[in-house]
Amino acid sequence: MRSKEAQLPDSIKELRRARAEAITRQIAQCAQHKQLGKAVNHYRRLVNHERLVPTSYTYASLVNAYVNSGDMFGAEEILKRMKAVPGMSPNVVVYTTMLKGHMLSGDVEKAEKLINEMPTRKPPIALDARAVNTFLRVCQRAGDAPSAWAAYRKIKGTIYAPEEKNEGWRGVTPDDATYKLVARLLSQALNVRDLRDVIKHSAHQASEETKKRLQSGGDATAAPCQFWNAGRCDRGRECVFFHDPAKTQRATVETADAVASMHVNLAHCAALLDDSEGATAAIATANDALDLAEALAVTLGEADASAENGGDEKAPTQTIDPNATTAATLTRDSVQTKTYKKTTRGELRLELKRVGGFLKRIRKGTQTKPDVATFLTRALVFDSLVEVGVETGTGGTVQSGSTQPSPEKEDSRKEVTGNARQVASVDNLVNTLHRRLCDAYGLERACEVSRAVSVDSARERLREILGKDGLVDFGVLFGHKGTRDGGGSGAVAEPKEKDDKKEKKEKKTKDVVPLESVDPEVM
């Protein structure tokens, strides 16, 4: 089709190209509204009925339609088809869309494989902050702190691993969203040391970017830059218009919000690890950052969101030159964005009060210090839906929480071998769960400050909860010994009380005479 397209006159090719673009816009509109069926029908009309040549934007829009509709299998098939087209290669937008789909499904493994594939393609696809942030959101959705930290180390390779190449990663400049996402996951993992490093890196980058902004723009004799006056000019030193240093920039507000968010995470982490001094300092820094963000937001007109919604609050709005271009006016945040930012700051304030109140109660002795390690040993969290097992002699696997029935006439030697494999499977399950809790939720760090739980005793407690057959013992899980009956299936054993009720119900059912056996004349 493409060879025939090249032989057509230029005028006809232009008409066909315009028609393909029109249908592509229809596909993109259907993708936006999650109308997968209509999007596929438009694509079929483009290819099968009108015999037009799809462009990279056509494939990108179709991939987006599949992703927004939750059909990752279809999205992967369209991506394969796009790669197979000669002279057409997926760009960073297509890959970022695929990463968004993996974020919605929480599939870190596929997302990691996809983002590592981008720099290795020929020609290589350069990573950007948006693609990396999307991958970090996949990790956040799945609670995978180790994968997020590994990605951050690749970006900061000159600091953590200068000997490693990590091609394609070091060219990425992290933004405020990158630092916030990594900080939240490090706080989840109770990793105070690396979290403080991330905060330092963020502060250093913010300082450098502030210097660059102050050096941007033209001379003071030039006309004022309307984009700069509206809060953002992306041209930097290439802009020939004057940048008034007194004008507040939106990037400064976003940095202050990021500082507040990261220190809230630090306060959480320090409080759980019994570092009241560090938590108190983080709370103070977060409050100062929120005060600064709210003060700067007033100059940008963010504080008047409620007034624009019909509320009674009124705040000074940003005054923009009436001669400003339409594009400069579009840089202002929408009412929804202003409301979101204001609500987020309010939620951070509430979190700071909650952590501060917790520290105050601990200090006064009105609340007992919680043992985080004890709570973590009750968390059954795995890194995937795949059950851990050991390979059998027949090529299969003995899955955790399952017992494979042996033939009735199986000899004792085979029965012993099967039991040994089951024990090995449970051991793998316990070790996987223990490693997951240590890497993603900071079990080892929690054990360092715990008086009741050590790393080894935590593993033994997990072994007791899962039992010898991989079934959850709810009695041990919730601190009530001797309540397990062992009659469950899969990975969860049913409580004894439930079995008793079931037996009573069956017994009562047996005592009732079926309706069909009653003589109609008696009725």
Protein backbone atom coordinates (compact mmCIF):
# COMPACT_ATOMS: atom_id res chain seq x y z
CA MET A 1 0.00 0.00 0.00
CA ARG A 2 2.82 2.40 0.86
CA SER A 3 4.60 1.72 -2.46
CA LYS A 4 1.40 2.47 -4.39
CA GLU A 5 0.88 5.59 -2.28
CA ALA A 6 4.26 6.94 -3.39
CA GLN A 7 3.30 6.64 -7.07
CA LEU A 8 0.23 8.85 -6.75
CA PRO A 9 0.23 12.52 -7.82
CA ASP A 10 1.08 15.03 -5.12
CA SER A 11 -2.38 16.56 -5.11
CA ILE A 12 -4.05 13.19 -4.48
CA LYS A 13 -1.50 12.27 -1.83
CA GLU A 14 -2.24 15.51 -0.01
CA LEU A 15 -5.97 14.81 -0.05
CA ARG A 16 -5.45 11.28 1.25
CA ARG A 17 -3.10 12.52 3.96
CA ALA A 18 -5.65 15.11 5.10
CA ARG A 19 -8.37 12.44 5.17
CA ALA A 20 -6.15 10.13 7.24
CA GLU A 21 -5.50 12.95 9.69
CA ALA A 22 -9.23 13.61 10.02
CA ILE A 23 -9.95 9.95 10.85
CA THR A 24 -7.00 9.91 13.25
CA ARG A 25 -8.52 12.84 15.14
CA GLN A 26 -11.76 10.86 15.42
CA ILE A 27 -9.80 7.91 16.86
CA ALA A 28 -8.10 10.24 19.35
CA GLN A 29 -11.46 11.67 20.40
CA CYS A 30 -12.86 8.16 20.95
CA ALA A 31 -9.77 7.28 22.99
CA GLN A 32 -10.34 10.30 25.19
CA HIS A 33 -13.90 9.14 25.92
CA LYS A 34 -12.91 5.46 26.31
CA GLN A 35 -14.92 4.40 23.26
CA LEU A 36 -12.75 1.52 22.13
CA GLY A 37 -15.30 0.01 19.73
CA LYS A 38 -15.76 3.25 17.81
CA ALA A 39 -12.00 3.83 17.70
CA VAL A 40 -11.41 0.38 16.19
CA ASN A 41 -14.19 0.95 13.65
CA HIS A 42 -12.60 4.23 12.58
CA TYR A 43 -9.25 2.47 12.18
CA ARG A 44 -10.82 -0.29 10.08
CA ARG A 45 -12.52 2.29 7.88
CA LEU A 46 -9.20 4.06 7.40
CA VAL A 47 -7.27 0.91 6.47
CA ASN A 48 -9.81 -1.49 4.93
CA HIS A 49 -12.49 0.69 3.36
CA GLU A 50 -10.73 3.90 2.32
CA ARG A 51 -7.34 2.20 1.84
CA LEU A 52 -5.47 5.03 3.52
CA VAL A 53 -2.02 4.81 5.09
CA PRO A 54 -2.05 5.09 8.90
CA THR A 55 0.51 7.41 10.42
CA SER A 56 2.41 7.16 13.68
CA TYR A 57 -0.24 9.40 15.24
CA THR A 58 -2.92 6.94 14.10
CA TYR A 59 -1.21 4.09 15.92
CA ALA A 60 -0.53 6.26 18.95
CA SER A 61 -4.20 7.25 19.18
CA LEU A 62 -5.31 3.63 18.81
CA VAL A 63 -2.89 2.49 21.51
CA ASN A 64 -4.29 5.20 23.76
CA ALA A 65 -7.83 3.95 23.10
CA TYR A 66 -6.90 0.43 24.18
CA VAL A 67 -5.03 1.68 27.26
CA ASN A 68 -7.82 3.97 28.42
CA SER A 69 -10.27 1.10 28.03
CA GLY A 70 -8.09 -1.23 30.11
CA ASP A 71 -7.26 -3.61 27.24
CA MET A 72 -3.49 -3.97 27.58
CA PHE A 73 -3.40 -7.10 25.42
CA GLY A 74 -4.87 -5.14 22.50
CA ALA A 75 -2.50 -2.22 23.14
CA GLU A 76 0.50 -4.56 23.03
CA GLU A 77 -0.73 -6.06 19.76
CA ILE A 78 -1.07 -2.61 18.16
CA LEU A 79 2.44 -1.73 19.38
CA LYS A 80 3.81 -4.91 17.76
CA ARG A 81 2.00 -4.05 14.53
CA MET A 82 3.46 -0.55 14.63
CA LYS A 83 6.99 -1.90 15.11
CA ALA A 84 6.52 -4.22 12.13
CA VAL A 85 5.73 -1.35 9.73
CA PRO A 86 8.88 -0.44 7.73
CA GLY A 87 10.13 3.05 8.44
CA MET A 88 7.82 3.57 11.41
CA SER A 89 9.03 3.46 14.99
CA PRO A 90 7.12 4.13 18.23
CA ASN A 91 8.11 7.40 19.84
CA VAL A 92 8.33 8.39 23.49
CA VAL A 93 4.63 9.35 23.51
CA VAL A 94 3.56 5.83 22.53
CA TYR A 95 5.83 4.25 25.13
CA THR A 96 4.60 6.63 27.80
CA THR A 97 1.03 5.70 26.92
CA MET A 98 1.90 2.02 27.32
CA LEU A 99 3.51 2.79 30.68
CA LYS A 100 0.29 4.49 31.72
CA GLY A 101 -1.58 1.29 30.92
CA HIS A 102 0.80 -0.75 33.04
CA MET A 103 0.32 1.80 35.81
CA LEU A 104 -3.45 1.22 35.74
CA SER A 105 -2.88 -2.54 36.00
CA GLY A 106 0.00 -2.23 38.49
CA ASP A 107 2.31 -4.40 36.36
CA VAL A 108 5.80 -3.25 37.37
CA GLU A 109 7.58 -6.08 35.55
CA LYS A 110 6.18 -5.20 32.11
CA ALA A 111 6.63 -1.47 32.75
CA GLU A 112 10.27 -1.97 33.69
CA LYS A 113 10.89 -4.10 30.61
CA LEU A 114 9.27 -1.44 28.43
CA ILE A 115 11.19 1.53 29.80
CA ASN A 116 14.50 -0.35 29.58
CA GLU A 117 13.73 -1.16 25.95
CA MET A 118 13.43 2.48 24.92
CA PRO A 119 17.14 3.47 24.99
CA THR A 120 18.17 0.19 23.30
CA ARG A 121 16.00 0.57 20.22
CA LYS A 122 17.48 1.60 16.89
CA PRO A 123 17.23 4.49 16.65
CA PRO A 124 17.17 4.86 20.45
CA ILE A 125 14.19 6.57 22.06
CA ALA A 126 15.35 9.21 24.52
CA LEU A 127 13.79 9.00 27.94
CA ASP A 128 12.24 12.13 29.41
CA ALA A 129 10.96 13.09 32.85
CA ARG A 130 7.36 12.33 31.91
CA ALA A 131 8.14 8.73 30.91
CA VAL A 132 10.22 8.16 34.04
CA ASN A 133 7.51 9.69 36.25
CA THR A 134 4.92 7.40 34.68
CA PHE A 135 7.11 4.41 35.52
CA LEU A 136 7.51 5.70 39.08
CA ARG A 137 3.71 5.93 39.34
CA VAL A 138 3.54 2.27 38.30
CA CYS A 139 5.88 1.49 41.21
CA GLN A 140 3.82 3.66 43.54
CA ARG A 141 0.59 1.91 42.57
CA ALA A 142 2.17 -1.49 43.23
CA GLY A 143 4.11 -0.31 46.30
CA ASP A 144 7.39 -1.36 44.67
CA ALA A 145 9.93 0.89 46.39
CA PRO A 146 13.04 -1.08 45.26
CA SER A 147 12.24 -0.69 41.55
CA ALA A 148 11.56 3.02 41.97
CA TRP A 149 14.81 3.52 43.86
CA ALA A 150 16.72 1.58 41.18
CA ALA A 151 15.29 3.88 38.49
CA TYR A 152 16.25 6.96 40.51
CA ARG A 153 19.80 5.65 40.95
CA LYS A 154 20.07 5.31 37.17
CA ILE A 155 19.04 8.94 36.73
CA LYS A 156 21.55 10.02 39.37
CA GLY A 157 24.21 7.65 38.04
CA THR A 158 27.03 10.15 38.44
CA ILE A 159 26.36 10.11 42.21
CA TYR A 160 25.53 6.49 42.96
CA ALA A 161 27.16 4.42 40.20
CA PRO A 162 29.57 6.46 38.04
CA GLU A 163 31.11 3.26 36.61
CA GLU A 164 27.78 2.11 35.14
CA LYS A 165 26.77 3.39 31.71
CA ASN A 166 22.96 3.42 32.02
CA GLU A 167 22.61 4.90 28.56
CA GLY A 168 19.45 6.92 28.11
CA TRP A 169 18.88 7.45 31.82
CA ARG A 170 21.49 10.05 32.71
CA GLY A 171 20.08 12.48 30.18
CA VAL A 172 16.83 12.68 32.14
CA THR A 173 16.41 15.77 34.30
CA PRO A 174 14.12 14.93 37.24
CA ASP A 175 11.40 17.41 38.09
CA ASP A 176 9.45 18.07 41.29
CA ALA A 177 7.08 15.18 40.55
CA THR A 178 10.04 12.79 40.27
CA TYR A 179 11.37 13.75 43.69
CA LYS A 180 7.92 13.54 45.30
CA LEU A 181 7.21 10.06 43.92
CA VAL A 182 10.59 8.67 44.99
CA ALA A 183 10.29 10.30 48.42
CA ARG A 184 6.88 8.77 49.05
CA LEU A 185 8.10 5.26 48.23
CA LEU A 186 11.25 5.68 50.34
CA SER A 187 9.07 6.79 53.23
CA GLN A 188 6.97 3.66 52.75
CA ALA A 189 10.19 1.63 52.97
CA LEU A 190 11.23 3.55 56.13
CA ASN A 191 14.44 4.51 54.33
CA VAL A 192 15.30 7.77 56.10
CA ARG A 193 18.88 8.00 54.89
CA ASP A 194 18.12 7.83 51.17
CA LEU A 195 15.04 10.00 51.65
CA ARG A 196 17.22 12.77 53.10
CA ASP A 197 19.55 12.40 50.10
CA VAL A 198 16.64 12.85 47.69
CA ILE A 199 15.58 16.01 49.54
CA LYS A 200 19.14 17.36 49.25
CA HIS A 201 19.27 16.60 45.53
CA SER A 202 15.93 18.35 45.04
CA ALA A 203 17.11 21.44 46.93
CA HIS A 204 20.35 21.61 44.91
CA GLN A 205 18.52 21.31 41.57
CA ALA A 206 15.95 23.92 42.62
CA SER A 207 18.75 26.34 43.50
CA GLU A 208 20.42 25.82 40.11
CA GLU A 209 17.17 26.29 38.22
CA THR A 210 16.41 29.48 40.16
CA LYS A 211 19.77 30.90 39.10
CA LYS A 212 19.04 30.02 35.47
CA ARG A 213 15.63 31.68 35.61
CA LEU A 214 17.11 34.88 37.01
CA GLN A 215 19.66 34.93 34.18
CA SER A 216 17.05 34.34 31.47
CA GLY A 217 15.30 36.88 29.29
CA GLY A 218 16.49 39.98 27.51
CA ASP A 219 17.68 43.38 28.75
CA ALA A 220 15.62 45.61 31.00
CA THR A 221 15.11 47.94 28.03
CA ALA A 222 13.25 45.21 26.12
CA ALA A 223 9.49 44.78 26.20
CA PRO A 224 8.20 42.69 29.14
CA CYS A 225 7.62 38.99 28.49
CA GLN A 226 3.93 38.27 28.90
CA PHE A 227 4.57 34.56 29.46
CA TRP A 228 6.92 35.42 32.30
CA ASN A 229 4.39 37.82 33.78
CA ALA A 230 1.76 35.06 33.61
CA GLY A 231 4.03 32.76 35.63
CA ARG A 232 6.00 30.67 33.14
CA CYS A 233 8.34 31.22 30.21
CA ASP A 234 9.96 28.08 28.80
CA ARG A 235 12.39 29.80 26.43
CA GLY A 236 14.93 30.69 29.09
CA ARG A 237 17.92 32.60 27.77
CA GLU A 238 16.58 32.40 24.24
CA CYS A 239 13.73 34.74 25.17
CA VAL A 240 14.50 38.30 24.00
CA PHE A 241 11.87 39.92 26.22
CA PHE A 242 12.50 41.23 29.72
CA HIS A 243 11.94 38.92 32.69
CA ASP A 244 11.03 40.90 35.78
CA PRO A 245 12.67 39.11 38.78
CA ALA A 246 9.88 40.39 41.06
CA LYS A 247 7.28 38.32 39.22
CA THR A 248 6.49 34.99 40.85
CA GLN A 249 7.01 31.94 38.68
CA ARG A 250 4.84 28.85 38.84
CA ALA A 251 7.94 26.64 39.08
CA THR A 252 8.80 28.31 42.40
CA VAL A 253 5.37 27.45 43.80
CA GLU A 254 5.63 23.85 42.57
CA THR A 255 9.05 23.51 44.22
CA ALA A 256 7.68 24.76 47.53
CA ASP A 257 4.82 22.26 47.29
CA ALA A 258 7.30 19.47 46.56
CA VAL A 259 9.45 20.43 49.57
CA ALA A 260 6.38 20.33 51.80
CA SER A 261 5.28 16.93 50.46
CA MET A 262 8.73 15.35 50.87
CA HIS A 263 9.09 16.60 54.44
CA VAL A 264 5.64 15.26 55.33
CA ASN A 265 6.87 11.86 54.13
CA LEU A 266 10.05 12.34 56.16
CA ALA A 267 8.02 13.19 59.25
CA HIS A 268 5.95 10.02 58.84
CA CYS A 269 9.06 7.90 58.41
CA ALA A 270 10.96 9.42 61.34
CA ALA A 271 7.98 9.19 63.68
CA LEU A 272 7.52 5.47 62.95
CA LEU A 273 11.22 4.86 63.59
CA ASP A 274 11.06 6.59 66.99
CA ASP A 275 13.05 9.64 65.80
CA SER A 276 10.95 12.36 67.41
CA GLU A 277 13.61 15.03 66.89
CA GLY A 278 13.90 14.35 63.18
CA ALA A 279 10.11 14.18 62.81
CA THR A 280 9.63 17.50 64.62
CA ALA A 281 12.21 19.21 62.41
CA ALA A 282 10.55 17.79 59.28
CA ILE A 283 7.14 19.06 60.44
CA ALA A 284 8.54 22.56 60.95
CA THR A 285 10.16 22.59 57.50
CA ALA A 286 6.98 21.31 55.85
CA ASN A 287 4.87 24.02 57.53
CA ASP A 288 7.31 26.71 56.38
CA ALA A 289 7.20 25.35 52.82
CA LEU A 290 3.40 25.33 52.85
CA ASP A 291 3.33 28.91 54.12
CA LEU A 292 5.64 29.95 51.29
CA ALA A 293 3.64 28.05 48.66
CA GLU A 294 0.37 29.61 49.80
CA ALA A 295 1.87 33.10 49.84
CA LEU A 296 3.31 32.68 46.34
CA ALA A 297 0.09 31.13 45.08
CA VAL A 298 -1.79 34.31 45.98
CA THR A 299 0.35 36.31 43.56
CA LEU A 300 -0.46 33.80 40.82
CA GLY A 301 -4.19 33.91 41.48
CA GLU A 302 -4.46 30.33 42.78
CA ALA A 303 -6.12 31.39 46.01
CA ASP A 304 -9.21 32.74 44.28
CA ALA A 305 -10.43 29.31 43.11
CA SER A 306 -13.36 29.26 45.54
CA ALA A 307 -14.42 32.75 44.50
CA GLU A 308 -14.44 31.68 40.85
CA ASN A 309 -16.61 28.74 41.86
CA GLY A 310 -19.18 31.06 43.40
CA GLY A 311 -17.79 31.06 46.96
CA ASP A 312 -17.42 33.98 49.27
CA GLU A 313 -13.62 33.91 49.54
CA LYS A 314 -11.84 36.58 47.62
CA ALA A 315 -8.12 36.97 47.04
CA PRO A 316 -5.99 39.20 44.84
CA THR A 317 -5.54 37.81 41.35
CA GLN A 318 -2.62 38.04 39.00
CA THR A 319 -2.81 41.22 36.93
CA ILE A 320 -1.87 40.52 33.32
CA ASP A 321 -1.24 43.12 30.70
CA PRO A 322 -4.38 43.40 28.54
CA ASN A 323 -2.12 43.26 25.52
CA ALA A 324 -0.90 39.79 26.53
CA THR A 325 -1.30 37.11 23.91
CA THR A 326 -3.86 34.36 24.13
CA ALA A 327 -1.10 31.78 24.65
CA ALA A 328 0.17 33.62 27.73
CA THR A 329 -3.34 33.65 29.17
CA LEU A 330 -3.55 29.89 28.69
CA THR A 331 -0.59 29.38 31.03
CA ARG A 332 -2.81 30.26 33.96
CA ASP A 333 -4.19 27.33 35.92
CA SER A 334 -7.79 26.31 35.51
CA VAL A 335 -10.26 26.53 38.37
CA GLN A 336 -10.06 22.76 38.86
CA THR A 337 -6.26 22.86 39.08
CA LYS A 338 -6.35 25.69 41.60
CA THR A 339 -8.88 23.84 43.74
CA TYR A 340 -6.81 20.65 43.56
CA LYS A 341 -3.64 22.41 44.70
CA LYS A 342 -5.44 24.18 47.50
CA THR A 343 -7.03 20.93 48.67
CA THR A 344 -3.69 19.12 48.54
CA ARG A 345 -2.07 21.72 50.74
CA GLY A 346 -4.94 21.43 53.20
CA GLU A 347 -4.49 17.65 53.34
CA LEU A 348 -0.77 18.08 54.01
CA ARG A 349 -1.62 20.43 56.88
CA LEU A 350 -3.91 17.80 58.37
CA GLU A 351 -1.22 15.14 58.05
CA LEU A 352 1.28 17.37 59.83
CA LYS A 353 -1.20 17.94 62.67
CA ARG A 354 -1.82 14.23 62.90
CA VAL A 355 1.88 13.35 63.11
CA GLY A 356 2.50 16.20 65.54
CA GLY A 357 -0.36 15.00 67.74
CA PHE A 358 1.06 11.48 67.68
CA LEU A 359 4.48 12.72 68.82
CA LYS A 360 2.87 14.82 71.55
CA ARG A 361 0.91 11.86 72.93
CA ILE A 362 4.01 9.68 72.90
CA ARG A 363 6.00 12.35 74.71
CA LYS A 364 3.31 12.77 77.40
CA GLY A 365 2.89 9.03 77.80
CA THR A 366 -0.83 9.03 76.96
CA GLN A 367 -0.19 6.65 74.04
CA THR A 368 2.01 3.57 73.88
CA LYS A 369 4.69 3.55 71.22
CA PRO A 370 3.53 1.28 68.42
CA ASP A 371 5.81 -1.57 67.45
CA VAL A 372 5.92 -1.20 63.67
CA ALA A 373 7.76 -4.49 63.19
CA THR A 374 4.95 -6.38 64.93
CA PHE A 375 2.36 -4.86 62.61
CA LEU A 376 4.47 -5.60 59.53
CA THR A 377 4.69 -9.30 60.42
CA ARG A 378 0.91 -9.38 60.04
CA ALA A 379 1.04 -7.94 56.52
CA LEU A 380 0.76 -10.55 53.78
CA VAL A 381 2.10 -8.54 50.85
CA PHE A 382 3.66 -10.08 47.75
CA ASP A 383 5.33 -8.49 44.78
CA SER A 384 3.10 -10.18 42.19
CA LEU A 385 0.10 -12.44 41.71
CA VAL A 386 2.34 -15.37 40.75
CA GLU A 387 2.55 -17.98 43.46
CA VAL A 388 6.01 -19.13 44.45
CA GLY A 389 6.75 -22.82 44.01
CA VAL A 390 9.48 -25.35 43.33
CA GLU A 391 9.78 -27.34 40.13
CA THR A 392 8.64 -30.91 40.20
CA GLY A 393 10.18 -33.82 38.41
CA THR A 394 7.47 -33.70 35.77
CA GLY A 395 8.16 -30.13 34.79
CA GLY A 396 5.31 -28.63 36.82
CA THR A 397 5.43 -26.59 40.00
CA VAL A 398 4.15 -27.08 43.48
CA GLN A 399 2.42 -23.77 44.15
CA SER A 400 2.29 -22.14 47.51
CA GLY A 401 -0.91 -22.75 49.37
CA SER A 402 -1.79 -25.81 47.32
CA THR A 403 -1.44 -29.53 47.97
CA GLN A 404 -1.22 -31.79 44.96
CA PRO A 405 -3.24 -34.95 45.54
CA SER A 406 -1.19 -38.12 45.08
CA PRO A 407 -2.59 -41.31 43.63
CA GLU A 408 -4.21 -43.65 46.11
CA LYS A 409 -1.67 -46.40 45.47
CA GLU A 410 1.38 -44.15 45.53
CA ASP A 411 4.22 -45.66 47.54
CA SER A 412 5.61 -44.09 50.68
CA ARG A 413 8.78 -42.88 48.96
CA LYS A 414 6.85 -40.70 46.52
CA GLU A 415 4.67 -39.41 49.36
CA VAL A 416 7.72 -38.31 51.34
CA THR A 417 9.16 -36.62 48.25
CA GLY A 418 5.91 -34.75 47.70
CA ASN A 419 5.86 -33.56 51.31
CA ALA A 420 9.46 -32.37 51.02
CA ARG A 421 8.60 -30.41 47.90
CA GLN A 422 5.63 -28.85 49.66
CA VAL A 423 7.81 -27.79 52.59
CA ALA A 424 10.31 -26.30 50.15
CA SER A 425 7.47 -24.43 48.46
CA VAL A 426 6.31 -22.98 51.78
CA ASP A 427 9.89 -22.00 52.60
CA ASN A 428 10.09 -20.13 49.31
CA LEU A 429 6.79 -18.45 50.10
CA VAL A 430 8.00 -17.33 53.55
CA ASN A 431 11.33 -16.08 52.21
CA THR A 432 9.61 -14.18 49.39
CA LEU A 433 7.18 -12.54 51.79
CA HIS A 434 9.96 -11.68 54.23
CA ARG A 435 12.14 -10.14 51.52
CA ARG A 436 9.19 -8.17 50.17
CA LEU A 437 8.43 -6.71 53.60
CA CYS A 438 12.10 -5.81 54.11
CA ASP A 439 12.63 -4.17 50.71
CA ALA A 440 9.32 -2.41 50.18
CA TYR A 441 8.09 -1.73 53.72
CA GLY A 442 11.25 -1.44 55.82
CA LEU A 443 10.86 -4.50 58.06
CA GLU A 444 14.59 -4.62 58.79
CA ARG A 445 14.69 -0.96 59.82
CA ALA A 446 11.58 -1.43 61.95
CA CYS A 447 13.23 -4.38 63.68
CA GLU A 448 16.23 -2.21 64.57
CA VAL A 449 14.06 -0.03 66.81
CA SER A 450 11.74 -2.82 67.96
CA ARG A 451 12.04 -4.34 71.41
CA ALA A 452 9.96 -7.39 70.61
CA VAL A 453 10.79 -8.41 67.04
CA SER A 454 14.09 -9.15 65.34
CA VAL A 455 14.69 -9.96 61.68
CA ASP A 456 14.94 -13.69 62.40
CA SER A 457 11.95 -13.79 64.73
CA ALA A 458 9.93 -11.91 62.10
CA ARG A 459 10.68 -14.66 59.59
CA GLU A 460 9.68 -17.33 62.10
CA ARG A 461 6.44 -15.51 62.83
CA LEU A 462 5.62 -15.44 59.13
CA ARG A 463 6.34 -19.16 59.00
CA GLU A 464 3.91 -19.75 61.87
CA ILE A 465 1.22 -17.69 60.14
CA LEU A 466 1.54 -19.64 56.89
CA GLY A 467 1.94 -23.00 58.64
CA LYS A 468 3.47 -26.12 57.18
CA ASP A 469 1.09 -26.31 54.26
CA GLY A 470 1.06 -22.67 53.17
CA LEU A 471 -2.43 -21.96 54.52
CA VAL A 472 -2.98 -18.79 56.54
CA ASP A 473 -3.53 -19.46 60.23
CA PHE A 474 -5.83 -16.62 61.27
CA GLY A 475 -5.43 -17.54 64.91
CA VAL A 476 -1.69 -16.83 64.80
CA LEU A 477 -2.21 -13.87 62.48
CA PHE A 478 -4.50 -12.08 64.94
CA GLY A 479 -2.80 -13.34 68.09
CA HIS A 480 -5.25 -16.13 69.04
CA LYS A 481 -3.52 -19.48 69.32
CA GLY A 482 -5.18 -22.79 68.61
CA THR A 483 -8.06 -21.64 66.42
CA ARG A 484 -6.84 -23.16 63.19
CA ASP A 485 -8.64 -26.13 61.74
CA GLY A 486 -6.52 -26.48 58.62
CA GLY A 487 -9.49 -27.20 56.38
CA GLY A 488 -9.07 -24.29 54.02
CA SER A 489 -8.28 -24.34 50.35
CA GLY A 490 -5.89 -22.32 48.23
CA ALA A 491 -3.78 -19.98 50.34
CA VAL A 492 -6.40 -19.23 53.02
CA ALA A 493 -7.71 -21.59 55.68
CA GLU A 494 -11.29 -21.17 56.81
CA PRO A 495 -11.70 -20.30 60.50
CA LYS A 496 -12.85 -23.08 62.81
CA GLU A 497 -16.02 -21.21 63.75
CA LYS A 498 -17.07 -21.14 60.13
CA ASP A 499 -16.54 -24.89 59.80
CA ASP A 500 -18.62 -25.55 62.94
CA LYS A 501 -21.50 -23.49 61.57
CA LYS A 502 -21.23 -25.32 58.28
CA GLU A 503 -21.40 -28.72 60.02
CA LYS A 504 -24.43 -27.67 62.08
CA LYS A 505 -26.18 -26.43 58.96
CA GLU A 506 -25.50 -29.71 57.14
CA LYS A 507 -26.78 -31.71 60.13
CA LYS A 508 -29.94 -29.61 60.30
CA THR A 509 -30.47 -30.05 56.59
CA LYS A 510 -30.28 -33.83 56.92
CA ASP A 511 -33.05 -33.79 59.57
CA VAL A 512 -35.43 -31.96 57.24
CA VAL A 513 -37.56 -34.19 54.99
CA PRO A 514 -37.31 -33.18 51.29
CA LEU A 515 -40.47 -31.65 49.89
CA GLU A 516 -40.61 -34.16 47.02
CA SER A 517 -40.87 -37.12 49.46
CA VAL A 518 -43.99 -35.78 51.22
CA ASP A 519 -47.26 -37.38 50.25
CA PRO A 520 -49.43 -34.80 48.44
CA GLU A 521 -52.48 -36.02 50.29
CA VAL A 522 -50.84 -35.27 53.63
CA MET A 523 -50.20 -31.70 52.47
